[in-house]
Amino acid sequence: MIERKGESTMGISHSCFSSFTLLLILLFVCVSATAQKTELNSRLAEGNKLQDLNKSSMAHQFDDEKWRNEHAVENPEEIASMVDMSIKNSTVRRNLGYFSCGSGNPIDDCWRCDRLWYRRRRRLANCAIGFGRNAVGGRDGRYYVVTDSGDDDPVNPKPGTLRHAVIQDRPLWIVFKRDMVITLKQELIMNSFKTIDARGVNVHIAYGACITIQFVTNIIIHGLHIHDCKPTGNAMVRSSPSHYGWRTMADGDGISIFGASHIWIDHNSLSNCADGLIDAVMGSTAITISNNYFTHHNEVMLLGHSDSYVRDKQMQVTIAYNHFGEGLIQRMPRCRHGYFHVVNNDYTHWEMYAIGGSADPTINSQGNRFLAPNNPFAKEVTKREGGWNGEWKQWNWRSEGDLLLNGAYFTPSGVGAAASYARASSLGAKLSSLVSIITSNAGALACINGRMC
């Protein structure tokens, strides 16, 4: 009986132990299942987020690839209007791994976030906006390093000089080994598919001739200080490895664009030249002038050769994110015949007027900031020449979302034809209240290798 009693006691104890163990096991299973369910839900949410990002990225990559493969437009009449390039620039940022850069300037946000911009310089060509958005410059060519600031022989330029670089027949992305001041004896005549990229160094083209872009295509000029340009000419000058010829007197423009297309001029500082700082004439088109800082000059920018030169009706120019600063008088720009999108620029100084024109140009002014001078007779932003019999009233000039300060006023005209303004539209305008931020870094940048610029 004792043994049976012991067996019975052990059976009870074993039964209790088994029940307690089972309870612990069930509790552990429940806790584990709850944790696994929570982790599974978290992973599912994360997976859905990543899937959405991948889908978005794939869509962006497809759009970006589609943009990259777009052929250069041979007929400027076919250039697509109404293109919001900030979407494309957002795509480029995603492909680089950036989801925000914060400046609000779509060109700068496209590349300045990248600490390794100096190793990936040619990606800049994917950041263009506006009518000159297809200007690839030397993106598809090799780098050329300028090591010599001299310009001793404009007919037989020395290898390593800027002149030797720009006349080559192949695409080139031209950079500079160090800071330099280049005083050109004669016009720097550029060949097609070239980029001059002065980021990371301090390069001045000054005290002599300056840059001529004539009968060529696909040019990018970025990061130069261009000033004190003088008339030169009546001399032989080489324009390609196989050709040189006689050049008559040049006007002394900072940058002269003559019968050229797909041009992008970005982040340069220009001042005090003999004629215009930037002039585009003789059927030039598909041009973007962006992020430049203009100072101390009279006739800043001429777009259109003459009232009688009707071929300039094909001209389309985007003027965006520039700062028109101290010491300026007029022509910011002065337009003829064509289609001009003046968007998100900061006008802090003028003595006569800011935007002018003749010969029925279409001027689409959007989201600019105009700060009029204190002179009570110079408050008007606009000036029209010609059209004395009232024809100017038919010219399509509009101000949309501009900020007019210190008594500034814009005189609109025309019937506001949608088709006309569509051809003078090239990107989405941002609020004029953001212009001071968007243009705060206009001009040549002081970039340092290894840091965001």
Foldseek 3Di string as FASTA:
>chain_A
DVVVVVVVVVVVVVVVVVVVVVVVVVVVVVVVVVVVVVVVVVVVVVVVVVVVVVVVLVVLVVVLVVVLPDDDDPQLVPQAFDDACLSNLCNLCVVVPHNDDPLPQSLLSSQLQDLQCVVVVQSSLCRDFFLLNNQSALSPHEEAEQEDLEAPDQADGDRSYPLVVFQEPHAYEYEYPEADEHEHAEESAGAERHEYEHAQYAYEHEDEAAYEDEQHERYEYAQYEYEHFEKHFQDWGDRHPVDIDGGHIDQFENYEAENYESYEYFFAEYEHTRDEPYEHEHLYASYEYELAEYEADEQHYYYYDDLPRQSSLSHAYEYELYEDDYNYAEDLPEYENYAAEDALYEYPDYNAARYEYENQYAYHAELYEHAFDLPPNRQERYDYDDPVVVPVQQRAYDYYQYHRHPNHDYDGHHPPDVVRVSSNHIHDHDHNVSSCSSNVSRHRDNHHNSHRD
